Amino acid sequence: MLTDTTCRNAKPSTKPLKLPDGKGLYLEVKPNGSKVWRYRFELVAGEERRESVFTIGEYKAVPASETSELAQERRAAGMFTLAEARVEREKARGLVRQGINPSHARDLERIQKAQSAAVTLEAVSREWIQLRPWEDATKARRLRLFERVVFPELGKLPVANITPPHVLALLKHVAEDCGPTVAAEVKRSLSGVYELAISTLRAENDPTYPVRNALPKNKTQHKRPLDPQELGQLLRDIDANETGLFTCNALRMIWWTLGRANEVCGMRWDELDLDAGVWTVPADRMKKRKVHRSPLPMQAVEMLKKLKPISGHRPYVFTHRDERDTHMSDAAMRQFLKSIGWAGKFSPHAARTTGATLLNGMGYAADHIERQLTHIELNKVRATYNHADYLPERSKMMQRWADYLDLLTIDTKVVMLPLKGVA
């Protein structure tokens, strides 16, 4: 039988050296100096006997100071002491007595572990997010949500083992900590994850369905439009801020174009024609997946020309604070609004509501306003025939709108809208 000293001091030769320990176990010392534990065995199949060799792992002399956690990691990496190799040999002998090849058993175990890892909620959720037809920024945002509130509680569980009580407990926790809006988003997302899991035979039921009505309905909170006095004060507060160059200008751009926050944040220089005063947003960046041409008033063009020397050599107009080749996030806008005291009173999306309200009050055609806001025509028959872009009309409208915003910013007494009946 071998000893630790014999194993440790064994020297390589020009040919592989086999040092037997007994019951089929031996240490093979290779010419390159590596030492490997192997177990020789015979399997009986009917009248036939087949000899084979099972590789247990590498030999490792372990210092006395090794902790149990480190020892576990070492064995998981396939490195065994003499005593541990003997334990593995006995496990292999037990399999052989049952007519099982230890090598095949280990391969099966590896496959089962890999399959097990692929059916956890975390694995399926990541797969589902990547399959969504979303922009990369949207995928990253949804993944961060899962990493923050879902994976810590349920991520390591197999999708097939998660029950409605698991989901209900999670949703209650999320509703308490993050609010009903986030809980509703988590519930919708989990239902999507289970649609994928069921279609790929990794789960049989959707545990979100039985608890779909367990929490109070999340009512959509529509931001009310600002009145002219409030709007003027907001614009003055933005102008009074001496920091956040990109954030302030992105907020101004939202007001000048009435674009969505994520569309403005992701504005690229190659989407802009400053000579023509037009911003062409590609379909893959639009909520409705249609190309949108937005006129740029003179104020917006002037601001963009000032930003050109600062970020014009990069892809995005409004660059991220830390990663200059990516764009700023709409979260930066919300944080900025909080810093100037407008959190809870105004969100970037309310600019569109305010703009629509005031422009209608000015007497502009509903078609021009709706096309500027890229709203869908609810009348399906009318939508079929109305493909007009109205760009010339919208250019005039948005220039007058930008001039009105300037007036509100300068004169605190301006509360009345311009005269109706404008073209």
Protein backbone atom coordinates (compact mmCIF):
# COMPACT_ATOMS: atom_id res chain seq x y z
CA MET A 1 0.00 0.00 0.00
CA LEU A 2 1.07 3.55 -0.68
CA THR A 3 1.91 6.22 1.86
CA ASP A 4 1.68 10.00 1.56
CA THR A 5 5.47 10.17 1.65
CA THR A 6 5.76 7.70 -1.26
CA CYS A 7 3.22 9.65 -3.31
CA ARG A 8 4.80 13.00 -2.55
CA ASN A 9 8.36 11.87 -3.33
CA ALA A 10 7.58 9.85 -6.47
CA LYS A 11 9.79 11.07 -9.34
CA PRO A 12 8.88 10.98 -13.04
CA SER A 13 10.62 8.71 -15.52
CA THR A 14 10.83 8.50 -19.27
CA LYS A 15 7.76 6.26 -19.22
CA PRO A 16 4.59 6.45 -17.10
CA LEU A 17 5.19 4.97 -13.65
CA LYS A 18 2.37 3.07 -11.91
CA LEU A 19 2.43 2.82 -8.10
CA PRO A 20 -0.23 0.33 -6.89
CA ASP A 21 -2.19 0.90 -3.68
CA GLY A 22 -4.51 -2.11 -3.77
CA LYS A 23 -8.04 -3.07 -4.88
CA GLY A 24 -7.41 -1.61 -8.34
CA LEU A 25 -6.24 1.83 -7.20
CA TYR A 26 -2.87 3.10 -8.39
CA LEU A 27 -1.01 6.40 -8.76
CA GLU A 28 0.31 7.08 -12.25
CA VAL A 29 3.33 9.36 -12.42
CA LYS A 30 3.63 10.79 -15.93
CA PRO A 31 6.91 11.77 -17.60
CA ASN A 32 5.93 15.45 -17.30
CA GLY A 33 5.70 15.07 -13.51
CA SER A 34 1.92 15.13 -13.11
CA LYS A 35 0.40 12.47 -10.82
CA VAL A 36 -3.02 10.97 -11.47
CA TRP A 37 -5.18 8.56 -9.47
CA ARG A 38 -6.65 5.74 -11.53
CA TYR A 39 -8.85 2.77 -10.68
CA ARG A 40 -8.65 -0.44 -12.73
CA PHE A 41 -11.80 -2.58 -12.76
CA GLU A 42 -13.64 -5.32 -14.63
CA LEU A 43 -17.28 -5.26 -15.69
CA VAL A 44 -19.09 -8.51 -16.32
CA ALA A 45 -21.61 -8.53 -19.17
CA GLY A 46 -23.04 -12.03 -19.46
CA GLU A 47 -20.05 -14.32 -19.98
CA GLU A 48 -17.86 -11.44 -21.14
CA ARG A 49 -15.47 -9.57 -18.86
CA ARG A 50 -14.28 -6.12 -19.86
CA GLU A 51 -11.35 -4.42 -18.18
CA SER A 52 -11.38 -0.66 -17.98
CA VAL A 53 -9.74 2.22 -16.14
CA PHE A 54 -11.51 5.03 -14.29
CA THR A 55 -9.58 8.27 -13.74
CA ILE A 56 -10.36 9.56 -10.25
CA GLY A 57 -8.37 12.80 -10.42
CA GLU A 58 -5.00 14.35 -9.68
CA TYR A 59 -2.85 13.65 -6.62
CA LYS A 60 -2.56 16.56 -4.22
CA ALA A 61 -0.44 16.84 -1.09
CA VAL A 62 -2.42 19.13 1.19
CA PRO A 63 -0.97 21.34 3.93
CA ALA A 64 -2.32 20.84 7.44
CA SER A 65 -3.64 24.41 7.46
CA GLU A 66 -6.22 23.72 4.72
CA THR A 67 -9.77 24.55 5.82
CA SER A 68 -12.77 22.32 5.15
CA GLU A 69 -14.13 24.87 2.65
CA LEU A 70 -10.88 24.88 0.68
CA ALA A 71 -10.75 21.09 0.78
CA GLN A 72 -14.25 20.93 -0.68
CA GLU A 73 -13.28 23.33 -3.48
CA ARG A 74 -10.13 21.27 -4.19
CA ARG A 75 -12.07 18.01 -4.49
CA ALA A 76 -14.64 19.70 -6.71
CA ALA A 77 -11.71 20.65 -8.97
CA GLY A 78 -10.64 16.98 -9.18
CA MET A 79 -7.63 16.92 -6.81
CA PHE A 80 -7.43 14.20 -4.12
CA THR A 81 -5.14 13.11 -1.33
CA LEU A 82 -4.28 9.42 -0.85
CA ALA A 83 -7.02 8.97 1.74
CA GLU A 84 -9.58 10.75 -0.44
CA ALA A 85 -8.59 8.68 -3.48
CA ARG A 86 -9.29 5.52 -1.48
CA VAL A 87 -12.76 6.85 -0.63
CA GLU A 88 -13.43 7.53 -4.31
CA ARG A 89 -12.18 4.05 -5.16
CA GLU A 90 -14.74 2.51 -2.79
CA LYS A 91 -17.50 4.54 -4.39
CA ALA A 92 -16.38 3.31 -7.82
CA ARG A 93 -16.20 -0.30 -6.59
CA GLY A 94 -19.79 -0.01 -5.38
CA LEU A 95 -20.91 1.07 -8.83
CA VAL A 96 -18.96 -1.74 -10.48
CA ARG A 97 -20.69 -4.31 -8.24
CA GLN A 98 -23.98 -2.98 -9.62
CA GLY A 99 -22.71 -3.40 -13.17
CA ILE A 100 -22.27 0.37 -13.66
CA ASN A 101 -19.22 1.87 -15.30
CA PRO A 102 -17.95 4.64 -12.95
CA SER A 103 -16.89 6.76 -15.93
CA HIS A 104 -20.40 6.61 -17.39
CA ALA A 105 -21.90 7.42 -13.99
CA ARG A 106 -19.72 10.52 -13.64
CA ASP A 107 -20.59 11.69 -17.17
CA LEU A 108 -24.28 11.29 -16.35
CA GLU A 109 -23.85 13.25 -13.12
CA ARG A 110 -22.18 16.10 -15.00
CA ILE A 111 -25.01 16.17 -17.54
CA GLN A 112 -27.62 16.18 -14.78
CA LYS A 113 -25.85 19.04 -13.00
CA ALA A 114 -25.69 21.04 -16.22
CA GLN A 115 -29.37 20.38 -16.90
CA SER A 116 -30.24 21.29 -13.32
CA ALA A 117 -28.42 24.60 -13.67
CA ALA A 118 -30.26 25.29 -16.93
CA VAL A 119 -33.70 24.90 -15.34
CA THR A 120 -33.32 27.23 -12.39
CA LEU A 121 -35.55 30.27 -12.41
CA GLU A 122 -32.49 32.47 -12.82
CA ALA A 123 -31.26 30.57 -15.89
CA VAL A 124 -34.66 30.54 -17.60
CA SER A 125 -35.27 34.20 -16.73
CA ARG A 126 -31.97 35.26 -18.27
CA GLU A 127 -32.80 33.22 -21.37
CA TRP A 128 -36.28 34.80 -21.58
CA ILE A 129 -34.89 38.33 -21.28
CA GLN A 130 -32.38 37.72 -24.07
CA LEU A 131 -35.14 36.40 -26.35
CA ARG A 132 -37.29 39.53 -25.93
CA PRO A 133 -37.42 41.90 -28.95
CA TRP A 134 -36.23 44.77 -26.77
CA GLU A 135 -33.42 47.25 -26.99
CA ASP A 136 -30.28 46.31 -25.07
CA ALA A 137 -31.00 49.06 -22.53
CA THR A 138 -34.47 47.62 -21.86
CA LYS A 139 -33.06 44.12 -21.44
CA ALA A 140 -30.42 45.40 -19.03
CA ARG A 141 -33.06 47.28 -17.02
CA ARG A 142 -35.29 44.20 -16.73
CA LEU A 143 -32.33 42.01 -15.76
CA ARG A 144 -31.36 44.47 -13.02
CA LEU A 145 -34.90 44.23 -11.67
CA PHE A 146 -34.68 40.43 -11.53
CA GLU A 147 -31.25 40.55 -9.93
CA ARG A 148 -32.50 42.96 -7.30
CA VAL A 149 -35.84 41.43 -6.24
CA VAL A 150 -36.37 37.97 -7.82
CA PHE A 151 -33.09 36.05 -7.94
CA PRO A 152 -32.17 36.51 -4.25
CA GLU A 153 -35.38 34.72 -3.20
CA LEU A 154 -36.21 32.28 -6.00
CA GLY A 155 -33.35 32.34 -8.49
CA LYS A 156 -31.66 29.10 -7.42
CA LEU A 157 -34.87 27.03 -7.40
CA PRO A 158 -35.79 24.88 -10.42
CA VAL A 159 -38.68 26.48 -12.30
CA ALA A 160 -40.71 23.28 -12.00
CA ASN A 161 -40.46 23.38 -8.19
CA ILE A 162 -41.72 26.93 -7.69
CA THR A 163 -45.30 27.01 -6.40
CA PRO A 164 -47.99 29.73 -6.20
CA PRO A 165 -47.19 30.31 -2.47
CA HIS A 166 -43.56 31.04 -3.49
CA VAL A 167 -44.73 33.60 -6.03
CA LEU A 168 -47.29 35.17 -3.69
CA ALA A 169 -44.70 35.64 -0.94
CA LEU A 170 -42.31 37.23 -3.43
CA LEU A 171 -44.93 39.60 -4.84
CA LYS A 172 -46.03 40.72 -1.37
CA HIS A 173 -42.42 41.38 -0.42
CA VAL A 174 -41.81 43.36 -3.63
CA ALA A 175 -45.04 45.34 -3.19
CA GLU A 176 -44.06 46.31 0.35
CA ASP A 177 -40.46 47.22 -0.47
CA CYS A 178 -40.74 48.63 -4.00
CA GLY A 179 -44.40 49.45 -4.51
CA PRO A 180 -47.34 47.94 -6.46
CA THR A 181 -46.02 49.11 -9.82
CA VAL A 182 -42.82 47.08 -9.49
CA ALA A 183 -44.76 44.09 -8.12
CA ALA A 184 -47.05 44.19 -11.15
CA GLU A 185 -44.06 44.31 -13.49
CA VAL A 186 -42.46 41.34 -11.70
CA LYS A 187 -45.69 39.37 -11.99
CA ARG A 188 -45.98 40.05 -15.73
CA SER A 189 -42.34 39.19 -16.27
CA LEU A 190 -42.56 35.92 -14.32
CA SER A 191 -45.58 34.92 -16.37
CA GLY A 192 -43.49 35.46 -19.50
CA VAL A 193 -40.66 33.39 -18.05
CA TYR A 194 -43.06 30.52 -17.40
CA GLU A 195 -44.48 30.74 -20.89
CA LEU A 196 -40.96 29.99 -22.11
CA ALA A 197 -40.37 27.30 -19.46
CA ILE A 198 -43.61 25.49 -20.34
CA SER A 199 -43.03 25.67 -24.09
CA THR A 200 -39.54 24.16 -23.63
CA LEU A 201 -40.82 21.39 -21.31
CA ARG A 202 -39.01 22.71 -18.24
CA ALA A 203 -42.22 23.37 -16.32
CA GLU A 204 -45.81 22.17 -16.51
CA ASN A 205 -47.71 25.04 -14.90
CA ASP A 206 -47.45 28.80 -14.45
CA PRO A 207 -47.45 29.46 -10.68
CA THR A 208 -48.21 33.14 -11.24
CA TYR A 209 -51.68 32.40 -12.65
CA PRO A 210 -53.44 31.25 -9.44
CA VAL A 211 -52.24 34.37 -7.58
CA ARG A 212 -52.81 36.84 -10.40
CA ASN A 213 -55.58 38.61 -8.43
CA ALA A 214 -54.11 38.18 -4.94
CA LEU A 215 -52.67 41.70 -4.79
CA PRO A 216 -54.62 44.94 -5.37
CA LYS A 217 -54.76 46.00 -8.98
CA ASN A 218 -52.01 48.41 -9.94
CA LYS A 219 -53.81 51.46 -11.28
CA THR A 220 -51.92 53.42 -13.88
CA GLN A 221 -51.04 56.83 -12.51
CA HIS A 222 -51.30 59.35 -15.33
CA LYS A 223 -49.25 62.44 -14.66
CA ARG A 224 -51.39 65.56 -14.83
CA PRO A 225 -50.28 68.30 -17.19
CA LEU A 226 -48.49 71.32 -15.76
CA ASP A 227 -50.22 74.65 -16.02
CA PRO A 228 -48.30 77.53 -17.67
CA GLN A 229 -47.12 78.96 -14.34
CA GLU A 230 -45.79 75.58 -13.17
CA LEU A 231 -44.16 74.96 -16.51
CA GLY A 232 -42.42 78.31 -16.44
CA GLN A 233 -41.13 77.67 -12.92
CA LEU A 234 -39.81 74.23 -13.91
CA LEU A 235 -37.96 75.67 -16.90
CA ARG A 236 -36.46 78.39 -14.75
CA ASP A 237 -35.34 75.83 -12.17
CA ILE A 238 -33.67 73.80 -14.91
CA ASP A 239 -31.92 76.89 -16.27
CA ALA A 240 -30.76 77.91 -12.79
CA ASN A 241 -28.86 74.67 -12.30
CA GLU A 242 -25.14 75.02 -12.95
CA THR A 243 -24.36 71.29 -13.11
CA GLY A 244 -25.58 68.41 -15.22
CA LEU A 245 -24.92 69.80 -18.70
CA PHE A 246 -26.24 66.76 -20.54
CA THR A 247 -29.14 66.14 -18.15
CA CYS A 248 -30.40 69.73 -18.33
CA ASN A 249 -30.14 69.81 -22.11
CA ALA A 250 -31.83 66.42 -22.46
CA LEU A 251 -34.76 67.72 -20.39
CA ARG A 252 -34.92 70.81 -22.59
CA MET A 253 -34.90 68.55 -25.67
CA ILE A 254 -37.87 66.62 -24.28
CA TRP A 255 -39.81 69.89 -24.04
CA TRP A 256 -38.69 71.12 -27.47
CA THR A 257 -39.63 67.84 -29.24
CA LEU A 258 -42.13 66.23 -26.81
CA GLY A 259 -40.20 62.99 -27.33
CA ARG A 260 -40.13 60.14 -24.87
CA ALA A 261 -37.37 60.23 -22.27
CA ASN A 262 -35.66 57.05 -23.50
CA GLU A 263 -35.77 58.27 -27.11
CA VAL A 264 -34.16 61.58 -26.19
CA CYS A 265 -31.56 59.98 -23.91
CA GLY A 266 -30.54 57.69 -26.75
CA MET A 267 -30.33 60.46 -29.36
CA ARG A 268 -27.43 59.82 -31.74
CA TRP A 269 -25.50 62.35 -33.77
CA ASP A 270 -26.07 60.32 -36.95
CA GLU A 271 -29.84 60.74 -36.48
CA LEU A 272 -29.61 64.54 -36.71
CA ASP A 273 -29.72 66.85 -39.72
CA LEU A 274 -28.99 70.19 -38.12
CA ASP A 275 -29.10 72.06 -41.45
CA ALA A 276 -32.63 70.82 -42.15
CA GLY A 277 -33.60 70.93 -38.48
CA VAL A 278 -34.85 67.33 -38.42
CA TRP A 279 -34.26 64.45 -36.00
CA THR A 280 -34.95 61.04 -37.58
CA VAL A 281 -35.45 58.34 -34.95
CA PRO A 282 -35.05 54.80 -36.37
CA ALA A 283 -37.85 52.30 -35.93
CA ASP A 284 -35.96 50.07 -33.51
CA ARG A 285 -35.76 52.95 -31.03
CA MET A 286 -39.44 53.89 -31.24
CA LYS A 287 -42.14 52.45 -29.02
CA LYS A 288 -44.37 51.79 -32.05
CA ARG A 289 -41.45 50.45 -34.12
CA LYS A 290 -41.94 53.04 -36.86
CA VAL A 291 -39.45 55.64 -38.09
CA HIS A 292 -40.27 59.06 -36.67
CA ARG A 293 -39.14 62.40 -38.06
CA SER A 294 -39.28 65.17 -35.49
CA PRO A 295 -38.71 68.83 -36.39
CA LEU A 296 -36.08 70.63 -34.34
CA PRO A 297 -36.87 74.24 -33.42
CA MET A 298 -34.09 76.78 -33.68
CA GLN A 299 -33.50 76.60 -29.92
CA ALA A 300 -32.79 72.87 -30.15
CA VAL A 301 -30.47 73.28 -33.15
CA GLU A 302 -28.53 76.02 -31.37
CA MET A 303 -28.10 73.85 -28.27
CA LEU A 304 -26.96 70.85 -30.34
CA LYS A 305 -24.38 72.96 -32.14
CA LYS A 306 -22.95 73.99 -28.76
CA LEU A 307 -22.80 70.34 -27.65
CA LYS A 308 -21.16 69.20 -30.90
CA PRO A 309 -17.58 70.03 -29.78
CA ILE A 310 -18.19 68.25 -26.48
CA SER A 311 -19.79 64.94 -27.52
CA GLY A 312 -19.81 65.13 -31.32
CA HIS A 313 -16.89 62.71 -31.59
CA ARG A 314 -18.93 60.06 -29.76
CA PRO A 315 -22.04 58.17 -30.93
CA TYR A 316 -24.53 59.74 -28.52
CA VAL A 317 -25.46 63.36 -27.97
CA PHE A 318 -26.18 62.99 -24.25
CA THR A 319 -23.38 60.75 -23.02
CA HIS A 320 -23.34 58.70 -19.83
CA ARG A 321 -21.51 60.32 -16.94
CA ASP A 322 -19.09 57.39 -16.48
CA GLU A 323 -19.18 55.52 -19.80
CA ARG A 324 -18.83 58.16 -22.48
CA ASP A 325 -19.51 55.86 -25.43
CA THR A 326 -22.97 55.01 -24.06
CA HIS A 327 -25.91 57.34 -23.51
CA MET A 328 -27.30 58.73 -20.29
CA SER A 329 -30.25 56.93 -18.69
CA ASP A 330 -33.66 58.38 -17.95
CA ALA A 331 -32.89 57.59 -14.31
CA ALA A 332 -30.40 60.47 -14.44
CA MET A 333 -33.30 62.77 -15.32
CA ARG A 334 -35.37 61.56 -12.39
CA GLN A 335 -32.42 62.03 -10.05
CA PHE A 336 -31.85 65.54 -11.39
CA LEU A 337 -35.51 66.46 -10.93
CA LYS A 338 -35.30 65.20 -7.37
CA SER A 339 -32.25 67.38 -6.75
CA ILE A 340 -34.11 70.54 -7.83
CA GLY A 341 -37.23 69.72 -5.83
CA TRP A 342 -39.53 68.40 -8.56
CA ALA A 343 -39.66 64.72 -7.55
CA GLY A 344 -43.28 63.62 -7.23
CA LYS A 345 -44.53 66.79 -8.93
CA PHE A 346 -43.25 66.10 -12.44
CA SER A 347 -41.83 63.21 -14.43
CA PRO A 348 -40.35 63.48 -17.95
CA HIS A 349 -43.35 61.68 -19.44
CA ALA A 350 -45.64 64.46 -18.17
CA ALA A 351 -43.99 66.80 -20.69
CA ARG A 352 -45.90 65.00 -23.44
CA THR A 353 -49.19 65.32 -21.56
CA THR A 354 -48.51 69.00 -20.90
CA GLY A 355 -47.49 69.65 -24.50
CA ALA A 356 -50.57 67.93 -25.90
CA THR A 357 -52.85 69.89 -23.57
CA LEU A 358 -51.34 73.29 -24.27
CA LEU A 359 -50.98 72.76 -28.03
CA ASN A 360 -54.62 71.74 -28.26
CA GLY A 361 -55.46 74.87 -26.31
CA MET A 362 -53.51 76.92 -28.85
CA GLY A 363 -55.77 75.58 -31.59
CA TYR A 364 -53.38 73.32 -33.48
CA ALA A 365 -54.79 70.42 -35.50
CA ALA A 366 -55.15 67.21 -33.54
CA ASP A 367 -53.52 65.26 -36.40
CA HIS A 368 -50.39 67.40 -36.17
CA ILE A 369 -50.16 67.02 -32.39
CA GLU A 370 -50.80 63.28 -32.42
CA ARG A 371 -48.22 62.71 -35.14
CA GLN A 372 -45.65 64.71 -33.18
CA LEU A 373 -46.37 62.54 -30.14
CA THR A 374 -46.33 59.37 -32.34
CA HIS A 375 -49.66 58.26 -30.95
CA ILE A 376 -51.57 55.46 -32.66
CA GLU A 377 -54.76 56.40 -34.50
CA LEU A 378 -57.57 54.66 -32.59
CA ASN A 379 -59.93 54.73 -35.59
CA LYS A 380 -58.64 51.75 -37.59
CA VAL A 381 -60.35 52.77 -40.84
CA ARG A 382 -58.95 56.30 -40.61
CA ALA A 383 -55.52 54.96 -39.67
CA THR A 384 -55.48 52.87 -42.84
CA TYR A 385 -55.71 55.95 -45.06
CA ASN A 386 -53.95 58.59 -43.01
CA HIS A 387 -50.21 58.18 -43.61
CA ALA A 388 -49.42 61.90 -43.72
CA ASP A 389 -46.25 63.02 -41.98
CA TYR A 390 -47.28 66.69 -41.65
CA LEU A 391 -43.62 67.64 -41.21
CA PRO A 392 -43.91 71.22 -42.58
CA GLU A 393 -46.95 71.90 -40.38
CA ARG A 394 -45.31 70.29 -37.35
CA SER A 395 -42.13 72.34 -37.91
CA LYS A 396 -44.13 75.56 -37.62
CA MET A 397 -46.04 74.23 -34.63
CA MET A 398 -42.96 73.11 -32.70
CA GLN A 399 -41.10 76.37 -33.43
CA ARG A 400 -43.99 78.35 -32.00
CA TRP A 401 -44.12 75.92 -29.08
CA ALA A 402 -40.41 76.49 -28.37
CA ASP A 403 -40.92 80.26 -28.56
CA TYR A 404 -43.78 79.94 -26.09
CA LEU A 405 -41.54 77.98 -23.71
CA ASP A 406 -38.99 80.80 -23.92
CA LEU A 407 -41.71 83.31 -23.08
CA LEU A 408 -42.82 81.29 -20.05
CA THR A 409 -39.23 81.07 -18.85
CA ILE A 410 -38.57 84.80 -19.12
CA ASP A 411 -41.87 86.36 -18.05
CA THR A 412 -43.33 85.07 -14.77
CA LYS A 413 -46.62 86.85 -15.54
CA VAL A 414 -47.34 84.91 -18.72
CA VAL A 415 -50.17 82.53 -17.91
CA MET A 416 -52.45 82.97 -20.94
CA LEU A 417 -51.96 80.82 -24.01
CA PRO A 418 -51.24 82.37 -27.40
CA LEU A 419 -54.26 83.10 -29.57
CA LYS A 420 -56.16 80.17 -31.02
CA GLY A 421 -56.63 79.53 -34.66
CA VAL A 422 -52.98 79.26 -35.58
CA ALA A 423 -52.01 77.23 -38.63
